[in-house]
Amino acid sequence: MTEYFTSKQGRRLAYNKTEGSADLPGVIFLSGFMSDMTGSKATAFEEICKARGQSYLRFDYSGHGESDGEFVDGSIGQWAEDAMAAFDELTKGPQVLVGSSMGGWISLLVALQRKDRVKAIVGIAAAPDFVTEVFESGFSDEQKRELAENGLTYVPSGYEHPYPISRGLVEDGAHQKLLHTDIDLTCPVRLVQGTEDEAVAFDKPARIKAALLSDDVEITMIKGGNHSLSRPEDIEVIDQKIREMSGLAA
């Protein structure tokens, strides 16, 4: 059942929480750009964790899903604040962060602020720094002009509707970049990506690994997997990583 809480920033955020054993770390799912907590991966891992008695949290960033706010008013920094608010308000003890695409970026930002409680990170087609990279190499001159003049432009999404990109999102994204310097995290990190990912560059997992200070980072490429990684065989591979990071037998 969907519940709500209000963050210290005053944003009303929607979530679903499954309680579990105190002997296991909790799992928090962080959704991708313009995605929400009703996505197939978010709900699949909820059922899996529930079956093994592991606490699980999925939530919507502001401007996403059932949470308050408008998407175009948001930014990476704001959504990271939302994630940290959910982390602090709704969970206790060690947590495994499972971040999909943009959620992989936000997982790293949360972990940097909550090192004492983040046990591990599982990144699913993790996409840190994508806002700046798309702006610099993917925006046409016309899109850059629209952004400068109107504060908003649109980019193809691969879905029915294009993604709205605001000037605030681009400006904030530049401040949230991680891959230009060392990422001061030493927790275990598992990065999973499909060989047919059409949205995140093939070398992104290696770039993340190179930036992390952790000496326990592993990359798994799933043959034939796309950016979504929502097939049953994809879910199985990702859950293997969640179990491993939770200290459970394979």
Protein backbone atom coordinates (compact mmCIF):
# COMPACT_ATOMS: atom_id res chain seq x y z
CA MET A 1 0.00 0.00 0.00
CA THR A 2 1.35 3.42 -0.93
CA GLU A 3 2.16 5.68 2.01
CA TYR A 4 3.54 9.21 2.19
CA PHE A 5 5.97 11.23 4.24
CA THR A 6 7.16 14.83 4.06
CA SER A 7 10.88 15.47 3.76
CA LYS A 8 12.65 18.19 5.72
CA GLN A 9 12.66 20.16 2.45
CA GLY A 10 8.85 20.08 2.57
CA ARG A 11 8.33 17.65 -0.31
CA ARG A 12 5.58 15.02 0.07
CA LEU A 13 7.00 11.73 -1.19
CA ALA A 14 5.26 8.43 -1.91
CA TYR A 15 6.71 5.07 -0.89
CA ASN A 16 6.05 1.39 -0.33
CA LYS A 17 7.88 -0.35 2.49
CA THR A 18 8.13 -4.06 3.27
CA GLU A 19 9.47 -4.95 6.71
CA GLY A 20 11.97 -7.76 7.08
CA SER A 21 14.45 -9.49 9.34
CA ALA A 22 16.79 -7.32 11.38
CA ASP A 23 19.49 -9.91 10.66
CA LEU A 24 19.62 -8.88 7.00
CA PRO A 25 20.50 -5.50 5.50
CA GLY A 26 17.59 -3.69 3.93
CA VAL A 27 17.31 -3.09 0.21
CA ILE A 28 16.40 0.31 -1.25
CA PHE A 29 15.48 0.59 -4.93
CA LEU A 30 16.27 3.88 -6.65
CA SER A 31 14.46 4.38 -9.93
CA GLY A 32 15.67 5.96 -13.12
CA PHE A 33 14.99 9.22 -14.95
CA MET A 34 11.22 9.78 -15.33
CA SER A 35 10.62 6.30 -13.97
CA ASP A 36 8.84 5.46 -10.74
CA MET A 37 8.38 2.84 -8.05
CA THR A 38 5.77 0.89 -10.05
CA GLY A 39 8.34 -0.16 -12.65
CA SER A 40 8.87 -3.84 -13.36
CA LYS A 41 12.26 -4.08 -11.64
CA ALA A 42 11.14 -2.13 -8.57
CA THR A 43 8.17 -4.42 -8.02
CA ALA A 44 10.00 -7.64 -8.97
CA PHE A 45 12.70 -7.11 -6.34
CA GLU A 46 10.04 -6.25 -3.78
CA GLU A 47 8.46 -9.68 -4.23
CA ILE A 48 11.86 -11.39 -4.16
CA CYS A 49 12.94 -9.63 -0.98
CA LYS A 50 9.57 -10.20 0.67
CA ALA A 51 9.85 -13.93 -0.03
CA ARG A 52 13.17 -14.17 1.79
CA GLY A 53 12.18 -11.90 4.65
CA GLN A 54 14.36 -8.96 3.68
CA SER A 55 13.17 -5.40 4.22
CA TYR A 56 12.63 -3.45 1.02
CA LEU A 57 11.87 0.16 0.19
CA ARG A 58 10.78 1.68 -3.12
CA PHE A 59 9.78 5.32 -3.43
CA ASP A 60 9.11 8.11 -5.91
CA TYR A 61 11.33 11.15 -6.22
CA SER A 62 9.51 14.48 -6.26
CA GLY A 63 7.90 15.09 -9.63
CA HIS A 64 7.80 11.34 -10.28
CA GLY A 65 4.99 8.83 -9.86
CA GLU A 66 2.75 9.52 -6.89
CA SER A 67 4.99 12.06 -5.18
CA ASP A 68 4.16 15.75 -5.23
CA GLY A 69 5.85 18.24 -7.52
CA GLU A 70 6.47 18.77 -11.22
CA PHE A 71 9.18 16.84 -13.03
CA VAL A 72 10.54 19.91 -14.83
CA ASP A 73 11.17 21.61 -11.49
CA GLY A 74 13.46 18.82 -10.32
CA SER A 75 17.18 18.14 -10.54
CA ILE A 76 19.70 15.45 -9.69
CA GLY A 77 20.57 17.23 -6.46
CA GLN A 78 16.92 17.53 -5.47
CA TRP A 79 16.20 13.88 -6.20
CA ALA A 80 19.30 12.88 -4.23
CA GLU A 81 17.88 14.90 -1.31
CA ASP A 82 14.62 12.97 -1.69
CA ALA A 83 16.52 9.68 -1.64
CA MET A 84 18.45 10.67 1.48
CA ALA A 85 15.21 11.75 3.14
CA ALA A 86 13.67 8.34 2.42
CA PHE A 87 16.86 6.63 3.62
CA ASP A 88 16.87 8.55 6.91
CA GLU A 89 13.14 8.57 7.59
CA LEU A 90 12.12 5.09 6.50
CA THR A 91 15.04 2.74 7.13
CA LYS A 92 17.27 1.59 9.96
CA GLY A 93 20.57 -0.26 9.99
CA PRO A 94 22.71 -1.24 7.02
CA GLN A 95 21.22 -0.89 3.54
CA VAL A 96 22.03 -2.18 0.05
CA LEU A 97 21.29 0.50 -2.53
CA VAL A 98 20.02 -0.82 -5.88
CA GLY A 99 20.05 1.99 -8.42
CA SER A 100 18.73 1.79 -11.96
CA SER A 101 20.21 4.18 -14.55
CA MET A 102 19.89 7.64 -12.97
CA GLY A 103 19.23 5.78 -9.73
CA GLY A 104 22.77 4.42 -9.96
CA TRP A 105 24.08 8.00 -9.94
CA ILE A 106 21.84 8.91 -7.03
CA SER A 107 22.93 5.77 -5.16
CA LEU A 108 26.53 6.99 -5.31
CA LEU A 109 25.52 10.47 -4.12
CA VAL A 110 23.55 8.99 -1.20
CA ALA A 111 26.36 6.62 -0.26
CA LEU A 112 28.84 9.50 -0.12
CA GLN A 113 26.61 11.14 2.51
CA ARG A 114 25.65 7.99 4.42
CA LYS A 115 28.85 5.91 4.43
CA ASP A 116 28.19 4.50 7.89
CA ARG A 117 24.98 2.76 6.81
CA VAL A 118 25.42 1.90 3.13
CA LYS A 119 26.62 -1.70 3.10
CA ALA A 120 26.91 -1.99 -0.68
CA ILE A 121 25.69 -0.68 -4.02
CA VAL A 122 24.26 -2.58 -6.97
CA GLY A 123 24.16 -0.41 -10.08
CA ILE A 124 21.87 -1.42 -12.95
CA ALA A 125 23.05 0.38 -16.10
CA ALA A 126 24.25 3.06 -13.70
CA ALA A 127 24.46 6.47 -15.37
CA PRO A 128 26.39 9.00 -13.28
CA ASP A 129 27.07 12.32 -15.05
CA PHE A 130 24.63 11.56 -17.87
CA VAL A 131 23.06 15.04 -17.78
CA THR A 132 26.31 16.82 -18.62
CA GLU A 133 27.42 14.16 -21.09
CA VAL A 134 24.13 14.29 -23.01
CA PHE A 135 24.16 18.09 -23.03
CA GLU A 136 27.74 18.30 -24.28
CA SER A 137 27.65 15.60 -26.94
CA GLY A 138 23.98 14.91 -27.64
CA PHE A 139 22.29 18.29 -27.78
CA SER A 140 21.88 20.01 -31.13
CA ASP A 141 22.55 23.72 -31.47
CA GLU A 142 18.79 24.22 -31.68
CA GLN A 143 18.21 22.37 -28.40
CA LYS A 144 20.91 24.42 -26.69
CA ARG A 145 19.31 27.60 -28.03
CA GLU A 146 15.87 26.52 -26.76
CA LEU A 147 17.37 25.78 -23.36
CA ALA A 148 19.09 29.17 -23.20
CA GLU A 149 16.08 31.15 -24.40
CA ASN A 150 13.15 29.20 -22.92
CA GLY A 151 14.74 27.25 -20.06
CA LEU A 152 13.37 24.02 -21.50
CA THR A 153 13.94 21.65 -24.41
CA TYR A 154 12.99 18.10 -25.29
CA VAL A 155 15.04 15.05 -26.21
CA PRO A 156 13.90 11.68 -27.62
CA SER A 157 13.20 9.12 -24.92
CA GLY A 158 12.68 5.90 -26.86
CA TYR A 159 9.17 5.87 -25.41
CA GLU A 160 5.90 7.54 -26.39
CA HIS A 161 6.81 11.00 -25.12
CA PRO A 162 10.14 12.87 -25.26
CA TYR A 163 12.02 13.82 -22.10
CA PRO A 164 11.69 17.46 -21.00
CA ILE A 165 15.09 18.86 -20.04
CA SER A 166 15.21 22.07 -18.03
CA ARG A 167 18.03 24.57 -17.73
CA GLY A 168 17.99 23.95 -13.97
CA LEU A 169 18.52 20.22 -14.50
CA VAL A 170 21.53 20.84 -16.75
CA GLU A 171 23.08 23.45 -14.45
CA ASP A 172 22.63 21.30 -11.35
CA GLY A 173 23.84 18.19 -13.19
CA ALA A 174 27.20 19.86 -13.72
CA HIS A 175 27.52 20.33 -9.95
CA GLN A 176 26.67 16.69 -9.21
CA LYS A 177 29.27 15.13 -11.52
CA LEU A 178 31.33 12.30 -10.05
CA LEU A 179 33.50 10.76 -12.74
CA HIS A 180 35.92 13.69 -13.10
CA THR A 181 37.60 12.84 -9.78
CA ASP A 182 37.95 10.05 -7.20
CA ILE A 183 34.69 8.79 -5.70
CA ASP A 184 35.46 8.42 -2.00
CA LEU A 185 33.61 5.18 -1.37
CA THR A 186 35.12 1.94 -0.11
CA CYS A 187 31.99 -0.21 0.12
CA PRO A 188 31.49 -3.13 -2.30
CA VAL A 189 29.96 -2.13 -5.63
CA ARG A 190 28.47 -4.39 -8.30
CA LEU A 191 27.78 -2.90 -11.73
CA VAL A 192 25.45 -4.74 -14.13
CA GLN A 193 24.90 -3.62 -17.71
CA GLY A 194 23.54 -5.12 -20.93
CA THR A 195 25.67 -5.53 -24.02
CA GLU A 196 22.83 -4.01 -26.07
CA ASP A 197 22.28 -0.97 -23.83
CA GLU A 198 21.16 1.83 -26.12
CA ALA A 199 21.31 4.60 -23.50
CA VAL A 200 24.45 4.13 -21.41
CA ALA A 201 27.85 3.86 -23.07
CA PHE A 202 29.58 0.49 -23.07
CA ASP A 203 32.57 1.92 -21.18
CA LYS A 204 30.55 3.59 -18.39
CA PRO A 205 30.93 0.71 -15.86
CA ALA A 206 34.71 0.74 -16.35
CA ARG A 207 34.79 4.51 -15.86
CA ILE A 208 32.81 4.19 -12.63
CA LYS A 209 35.12 1.44 -11.39
CA ALA A 210 38.20 3.52 -12.18
CA ALA A 211 36.82 6.50 -10.23
CA LEU A 212 35.79 4.52 -7.13
CA LEU A 213 38.34 4.17 -4.31
CA SER A 214 36.79 0.84 -3.36
CA ASP A 215 38.91 -2.20 -4.20
CA ASP A 216 35.79 -4.39 -4.30
CA VAL A 217 34.09 -3.39 -7.56
CA GLU A 218 32.92 -5.94 -10.10
CA ILE A 219 31.35 -5.46 -13.54
CA THR A 220 28.89 -7.92 -15.07
CA MET A 221 27.85 -7.54 -18.70
CA ILE A 222 24.65 -9.40 -19.61
CA LYS A 223 24.73 -10.63 -23.18
CA GLY A 224 21.76 -9.32 -25.17
CA GLY A 225 20.52 -7.17 -22.32
CA ASN A 226 19.18 -3.70 -23.14
CA HIS A 227 19.06 -0.60 -20.96
CA SER A 228 15.99 -1.77 -19.08
CA LEU A 229 17.41 -5.14 -17.95
CA SER A 230 13.91 -6.28 -17.03
CA ARG A 231 13.87 -9.77 -18.54
CA PRO A 232 13.55 -12.67 -16.09
CA GLU A 233 17.15 -13.67 -16.76
CA ASP A 234 18.27 -10.08 -16.10
CA ILE A 235 16.37 -9.97 -12.82
CA GLU A 236 17.99 -13.24 -11.77
CA VAL A 237 21.51 -11.94 -12.41
CA ILE A 238 20.84 -8.69 -10.57
CA ASP A 239 19.31 -10.53 -7.62
CA GLN A 240 22.42 -12.70 -7.41
CA LYS A 241 24.34 -9.48 -6.80
CA ILE A 242 21.81 -8.29 -4.22
CA ARG A 243 22.06 -11.60 -2.38
CA GLU A 244 25.85 -11.45 -2.48
CA MET A 245 25.90 -7.88 -1.17
CA SER A 246 23.43 -8.90 1.55
CA GLY A 247 25.69 -11.67 2.80
CA LEU A 248 23.38 -14.41 1.59
CA ALA A 249 24.53 -17.62 -0.05
CA ALA A 250 24.40 -17.62 -3.84
